[in-house]
C-alpha cells in the first residue's frame, strides 16, 4: 500500500487469508478499533449483503470492511452513495495512472457496481449509535481477478488489450482510500449535494424508465416512470407519465426482467 496518501483511512490494517466476514469482525469489535481501520480477507465464506444475503467470496475478490464515524443521522442513508462514488472514481484514476484503458464502472442504485451490464461489486453500510456519534462499518466486495460468477475488472482490461498489465487488489485499496477520504470530508462538511452532480455522472439511472408497483401488493398497478435523481432522503425521485412525482424504494428482491426499447423493467415500490 505504498501508494496510500490518505492520512486517516486505511492506515491500520487487519488481514486474514480466510475469514467468515470482515464486516462481522469489524462491527463486533468496533469499540476496540481506531477509526479508519480496514479489515481485508483473501477468502470470505460468510459475507454479508443487503437484505441479510450471505455468500462465499472466491479468491480474486477484493473484500474489505472499514470504520468511520458521523454525527448527523440525516446523512447516514447517503453514506453508501459516497462509498460507491469513491470506488468508481478510484478505479478510473488508477487506470489512468497506470496507462490502462478506462474501465467504465457504473453505480446501480442503491449499492451495486456494474461493468458492461454485469455486477462486479457491492457495498454494505451498517451503523450503531453511541452518545453523540454514529459508528459506521462499510463493507465492500469487488471482483478484481475472479471472472465468476459474472465478470471482473482484469478480464475486461484483457479484452481491451491483452498485453497491458492488470490491476492489483492492494493498488485498488490504496486508490479507494485516497479518493474516499477527500469525498468523505466534502460530504461531512457540505452534505451530499456537493457531490450529487459527480454521483449522477457515475450512475446508470438518469432518464431511465422503470416500472414500479403503485399500491398494495394484492392490488398493485404497474406504472412507468422516469428517474430524475435522488430525494433528500436518498431514495429515487421519478416522474410518471401523468406528471405525478414518485419516491421509489427497492422491494428487497429487485431484478431486471427484460428490456423493451428504453424501458428497463425493475420492481420498485412507490411510497
Protein backbone atom coordinates (compact mmCIF):
# COMPACT_ATOMS: atom_id res chain seq x y z
CA UNK A 1 0.00 0.00 0.00
CA UNK A 2 2.89 2.35 -0.78
CA UNK A 3 0.51 4.43 -2.91
CA UNK A 4 -1.69 5.26 0.09
CA UNK A 5 -1.88 9.03 0.66
CA UNK A 6 -4.89 9.11 2.98
CA UNK A 7 -3.95 10.26 6.45
CA UNK A 8 -6.84 8.69 8.36
CA UNK A 9 -8.40 5.83 6.39
CA UNK A 10 -6.55 2.63 5.56
CA UNK A 11 -3.54 3.41 7.76
CA UNK A 12 -4.27 0.47 10.07
CA UNK A 13 -4.97 -2.94 8.56
CA UNK A 14 -6.16 -6.32 9.77
CA UNK A 15 -5.61 -9.12 7.24
CA UNK A 16 -6.59 -12.77 7.07
CA UNK A 17 -6.22 -15.34 4.27
CA UNK A 18 -9.63 -16.76 5.19
CA UNK A 19 -12.32 -15.15 7.30
CA UNK A 20 -16.03 -15.67 7.86
CA UNK A 21 -16.89 -11.99 7.43
CA UNK A 22 -14.77 -8.84 7.54
CA UNK A 23 -17.96 -6.93 8.27
CA UNK A 24 -18.83 -9.02 11.31
CA UNK A 25 -15.31 -8.80 12.69
CA UNK A 26 -15.31 -5.00 12.43
CA UNK A 27 -18.82 -4.43 13.78
CA UNK A 28 -18.33 -6.78 16.72
CA UNK A 29 -15.06 -5.10 17.72
CA UNK A 30 -15.76 -1.52 16.69
CA UNK A 31 -15.08 -0.04 20.14
CA UNK A 32 -11.61 -1.64 20.21
CA UNK A 33 -10.58 -0.40 16.77
CA UNK A 34 -9.33 3.03 15.66
CA UNK A 35 -11.49 4.99 13.24
CA UNK A 36 -10.25 4.33 9.71
CA UNK A 37 -9.01 0.79 10.31
CA UNK A 38 -9.59 -1.68 7.47
CA UNK A 39 -10.04 -5.44 7.65
CA UNK A 40 -9.13 -7.40 4.49
CA UNK A 41 -9.68 -11.09 3.70
CA UNK A 42 -8.48 -13.12 0.72
CA UNK A 43 -11.41 -15.53 1.03
CA UNK A 44 -14.65 -14.84 2.86
CA UNK A 45 -17.12 -17.65 3.49
CA UNK A 46 -19.91 -15.87 5.36
CA UNK A 47 -20.03 -12.45 3.73
CA UNK A 48 -22.91 -10.08 4.32
CA UNK A 49 -25.09 -8.27 1.81
CA UNK A 50 -28.27 -6.26 1.65
CA UNK A 51 -31.42 -7.99 2.96
CA UNK A 52 -29.23 -10.37 5.01
CA UNK A 53 -27.92 -12.15 1.93
CA UNK A 54 -24.95 -14.46 2.63
CA UNK A 55 -22.40 -15.70 0.12
CA UNK A 56 -18.96 -17.23 -0.18
CA UNK A 57 -16.49 -14.92 -1.90
CA UNK A 58 -13.90 -16.67 -4.08
CA UNK A 59 -10.19 -15.86 -4.36
CA UNK A 60 -9.56 -12.88 -6.61
CA UNK A 61 -12.13 -10.63 -4.94
CA UNK A 62 -11.09 -7.52 -3.08
CA UNK A 63 -13.04 -7.85 0.17
CA UNK A 64 -12.72 -5.38 2.99
CA UNK A 65 -14.58 -3.51 5.71
CA UNK A 66 -13.56 -0.28 7.42
CA UNK A 67 -14.69 2.05 10.18
CA UNK A 68 -15.86 5.65 10.13
CA UNK A 69 -18.00 7.92 12.30
CA UNK A 70 -20.65 10.54 11.67
CA UNK A 71 -22.70 12.85 13.88
CA UNK A 72 -25.57 13.77 11.54
CA UNK A 73 -28.15 10.98 11.35
CA UNK A 74 -29.76 12.54 8.27
CA UNK A 75 -26.63 11.80 6.26
CA UNK A 76 -26.38 8.12 7.18
CA UNK A 77 -28.53 6.76 4.30
CA UNK A 78 -26.35 8.66 1.82
CA UNK A 79 -23.06 7.22 3.04
CA UNK A 80 -23.30 4.22 0.70
CA UNK A 81 -23.53 6.59 -2.27
CA UNK A 82 -20.31 8.35 -1.25
CA UNK A 83 -18.58 4.95 -1.00
CA UNK A 84 -19.88 3.85 -4.42
CA UNK A 85 -18.70 7.10 -5.96
CA UNK A 86 -15.28 6.81 -4.32
CA UNK A 87 -14.75 3.33 -5.74
CA UNK A 88 -15.78 4.24 -9.30
CA UNK A 89 -13.52 7.31 -9.22
CA UNK A 90 -10.65 5.32 -7.68
CA UNK A 91 -10.77 2.71 -10.45
CA UNK A 92 -10.78 5.39 -13.17
CA UNK A 93 -7.86 7.27 -11.62
CA UNK A 94 -5.85 4.08 -11.11
CA UNK A 95 -6.34 3.01 -14.72
CA UNK A 96 -5.24 6.45 -15.89
CA UNK A 97 -2.16 6.45 -13.63
CA UNK A 98 -1.08 3.05 -14.94
CA UNK A 99 -1.71 3.89 -18.60
CA UNK A 100 -4.56 1.37 -18.87
CA UNK A 101 -7.79 1.65 -20.80
CA UNK A 102 -10.50 3.26 -18.69
CA UNK A 103 -12.95 0.89 -17.04
CA UNK A 104 -16.38 2.47 -17.11
CA UNK A 105 -17.63 1.10 -13.80
CA UNK A 106 -21.09 2.45 -13.02
CA UNK A 107 -23.25 2.69 -9.90
CA UNK A 108 -26.51 0.78 -9.87
CA UNK A 109 -28.69 2.23 -7.14
CA UNK A 110 -28.61 1.76 -4.27
CA UNK A 111 -25.34 -0.07 -3.62
CA UNK A 112 -24.04 -2.11 -6.57
CA UNK A 113 -21.20 -1.57 -9.04
CA UNK A 114 -21.67 -2.66 -12.66
CA UNK A 115 -19.38 -3.06 -15.65
CA UNK A 116 -20.77 -3.73 -19.14
CA UNK A 117 -24.15 -4.61 -17.69
CA UNK A 118 -22.79 -7.12 -15.18
CA UNK A 119 -22.37 -6.76 -11.44
CA UNK A 120 -18.74 -6.55 -10.32
CA UNK A 121 -19.14 -5.22 -6.79
CA UNK A 122 -21.37 -4.27 -3.92
CA UNK A 123 -21.34 -2.03 -0.86
CA UNK A 124 -22.93 -2.51 2.55
CA UNK A 125 -23.08 0.19 5.24
CA UNK A 126 -24.35 -0.52 8.75
CA UNK A 127 -24.30 1.73 11.78
CA UNK A 128 -24.78 1.78 15.53
CA UNK A 129 -25.25 4.73 17.84
CA UNK A 130 -23.23 5.80 20.82
CA UNK A 131 -23.65 9.17 22.58
CA UNK A 132 -23.34 12.00 20.00
CA UNK A 133 -21.91 9.86 17.20
CA UNK A 134 -22.81 7.04 14.83
CA UNK A 135 -20.30 4.24 14.30
CA UNK A 136 -20.34 3.14 10.65
CA UNK A 137 -18.99 -0.09 9.27
CA UNK A 138 -18.67 -0.16 5.48
CA UNK A 139 -18.10 -3.43 3.66
CA UNK A 140 -17.04 -3.68 0.02
CA UNK A 141 -16.67 -6.64 -2.33
CA UNK A 142 -15.14 -6.08 -5.78
CA UNK A 143 -14.38 -8.64 -8.49
CA UNK A 144 -10.77 -7.97 -9.49
CA UNK A 145 -9.38 -11.30 -10.75
CA UNK A 146 -12.32 -13.68 -10.40
CA UNK A 147 -14.38 -13.96 -13.60
CA UNK A 148 -17.11 -15.94 -11.82
CA UNK A 149 -19.97 -15.56 -11.18
CA UNK A 150 -20.22 -12.55 -13.54
CA UNK A 151 -17.01 -10.86 -14.71
CA UNK A 152 -14.14 -8.92 -13.20
CA UNK A 153 -12.06 -5.81 -13.77
CA UNK A 154 -8.98 -7.55 -15.11
CA UNK A 155 -10.96 -9.70 -17.53
CA UNK A 156 -12.40 -6.50 -19.01
CA UNK A 157 -8.93 -4.96 -19.25
CA UNK A 158 -7.54 -8.04 -21.03
CA UNK A 159 -10.38 -7.87 -23.56
CA UNK A 160 -9.32 -4.33 -24.45
CA UNK A 161 -5.57 -5.02 -24.53
CA UNK A 162 -4.12 -8.36 -23.52
CA UNK A 163 -0.56 -7.01 -23.49
CA UNK A 164 -1.04 -4.36 -20.81
CA UNK A 165 -0.62 -5.03 -17.05
CA UNK A 166 -3.64 -5.63 -14.86
CA UNK A 167 -4.86 -4.11 -11.63
CA UNK A 168 -3.71 -5.33 -8.23
CA UNK A 169 -6.03 -5.51 -5.26
CA UNK A 170 -3.67 -3.56 -2.99
CA UNK A 171 -3.43 -0.73 -5.52
CA UNK A 172 -7.22 -0.51 -5.78
CA UNK A 173 -7.48 -0.47 -1.99
CA UNK A 174 -4.99 2.40 -1.69
CA UNK A 175 -6.62 4.33 -4.52
CA UNK A 176 -10.03 3.88 -2.91
CA UNK A 177 -8.98 5.32 0.45
CA UNK A 178 -7.17 8.20 -1.24
CA UNK A 179 -10.40 9.13 -3.02
CA UNK A 180 -12.80 8.26 -0.19
CA UNK A 181 -11.02 10.43 2.37
CA UNK A 182 -11.43 13.50 0.14
CA UNK A 183 -15.07 12.79 -0.71
CA UNK A 184 -15.97 11.93 2.87
CA UNK A 185 -14.64 15.27 4.09
CA UNK A 186 -16.70 17.11 1.48
CA UNK A 187 -19.76 15.04 2.39
CA UNK A 188 -19.30 15.69 6.11
CA UNK A 189 -18.76 19.43 5.77
CA UNK A 190 -21.02 20.32 2.83
CA UNK A 191 -23.51 17.47 2.52
CA UNK A 192 -24.22 15.13 -0.37
CA UNK A 193 -25.48 17.97 -2.56
CA UNK A 194 -21.85 18.98 -3.15
CA UNK A 195 -21.21 15.52 -4.68
CA UNK A 196 -24.54 14.99 -6.41
CA UNK A 197 -23.55 16.01 -9.93
CA UNK A 198 -20.42 13.85 -9.76
CA UNK A 199 -22.53 10.95 -8.49
CA UNK A 200 -25.04 11.27 -11.34
CA UNK A 201 -22.18 11.16 -13.84
CA UNK A 202 -21.25 7.75 -12.41
CA UNK A 203 -24.63 6.06 -12.11
CA UNK A 204 -26.83 4.16 -14.57
CA UNK A 205 -30.20 5.74 -13.99
CA UNK A 206 -30.52 9.31 -15.28
CA UNK A 207 -33.52 9.39 -17.62
CA UNK A 208 -34.12 5.67 -17.20
CA UNK A 209 -37.71 4.50 -17.48
CA UNK A 210 -38.74 1.88 -14.94
CA UNK A 211 -41.86 0.00 -13.96
CA UNK A 212 -42.97 0.44 -10.37
CA UNK A 213 -45.56 -1.15 -8.15
CA UNK A 214 -48.07 1.50 -7.14
CA UNK A 215 -50.29 0.40 -4.28
CA UNK A 216 -50.60 -2.68 -2.01
CA UNK A 217 -49.14 -5.91 -3.37
CA UNK A 218 -52.50 -7.65 -3.64
CA UNK A 219 -53.97 -4.92 -5.86
CA UNK A 220 -50.95 -3.03 -7.16
CA UNK A 221 -50.92 -1.39 -10.57
CA UNK A 222 -47.80 -1.10 -12.67
CA UNK A 223 -46.75 2.42 -13.65
CA UNK A 224 -43.94 3.54 -15.96
CA UNK A 225 -41.92 6.41 -14.53
CA UNK A 226 -38.73 8.26 -15.49
CA UNK A 227 -35.97 8.58 -12.91
CA UNK A 228 -34.84 12.15 -12.30
CA UNK A 229 -32.39 11.75 -9.42
CA UNK A 230 -32.38 11.22 -5.67
CA UNK A 231 -34.66 12.60 -2.97
CA UNK A 232 -33.06 14.36 0.03
CA UNK A 233 -33.52 11.11 1.99
CA UNK A 234 -31.61 9.12 -0.64
CA UNK A 235 -34.45 7.34 -2.43
CA UNK A 236 -35.09 7.53 -6.16
CA UNK A 237 -37.07 10.52 -7.37
CA UNK A 238 -39.11 9.90 -10.50
CA UNK A 239 -41.87 11.48 -12.60
CA UNK A 240 -44.75 9.45 -14.01
CA UNK A 241 -46.21 9.77 -17.47
CA UNK A 242 -49.04 11.77 -15.92
CA UNK A 243 -46.62 14.21 -14.26
CA UNK A 244 -47.05 12.66 -10.82
CA UNK A 245 -43.98 12.59 -8.53
CA UNK A 246 -42.74 9.29 -7.14
CA UNK A 247 -40.35 8.38 -4.35
CA UNK A 248 -39.13 4.87 -5.12
CA UNK A 249 -37.92 2.30 -2.63
CA UNK A 250 -36.31 -1.05 -3.52
CA UNK A 251 -38.58 -4.01 -2.85
CA UNK A 252 -35.78 -6.09 -1.35
CA UNK A 253 -35.76 -8.56 -4.23
CA UNK A 254 -35.11 -6.30 -7.19
CA UNK A 255 -34.19 -7.89 -10.50
CA UNK A 256 -34.08 -6.84 -14.13
CA UNK A 257 -36.83 -8.64 -16.04
CA UNK A 258 -36.21 -7.53 -19.63
CA UNK A 259 -35.51 -4.54 -21.80
CA UNK A 260 -38.08 -3.11 -24.20
CA UNK A 261 -36.68 -0.10 -26.04
CA UNK A 262 -35.54 2.30 -23.36
CA UNK A 263 -37.94 0.89 -20.78
CA UNK A 264 -35.99 -1.25 -18.33
CA UNK A 265 -38.28 -3.28 -16.11
CA UNK A 266 -37.37 -3.22 -12.45
CA UNK A 267 -39.63 -3.67 -9.49
CA UNK A 268 -39.66 -0.71 -7.12
CA UNK A 269 -42.24 0.23 -4.54
CA UNK A 270 -43.85 3.66 -4.58
CA UNK A 271 -44.35 5.04 -1.06
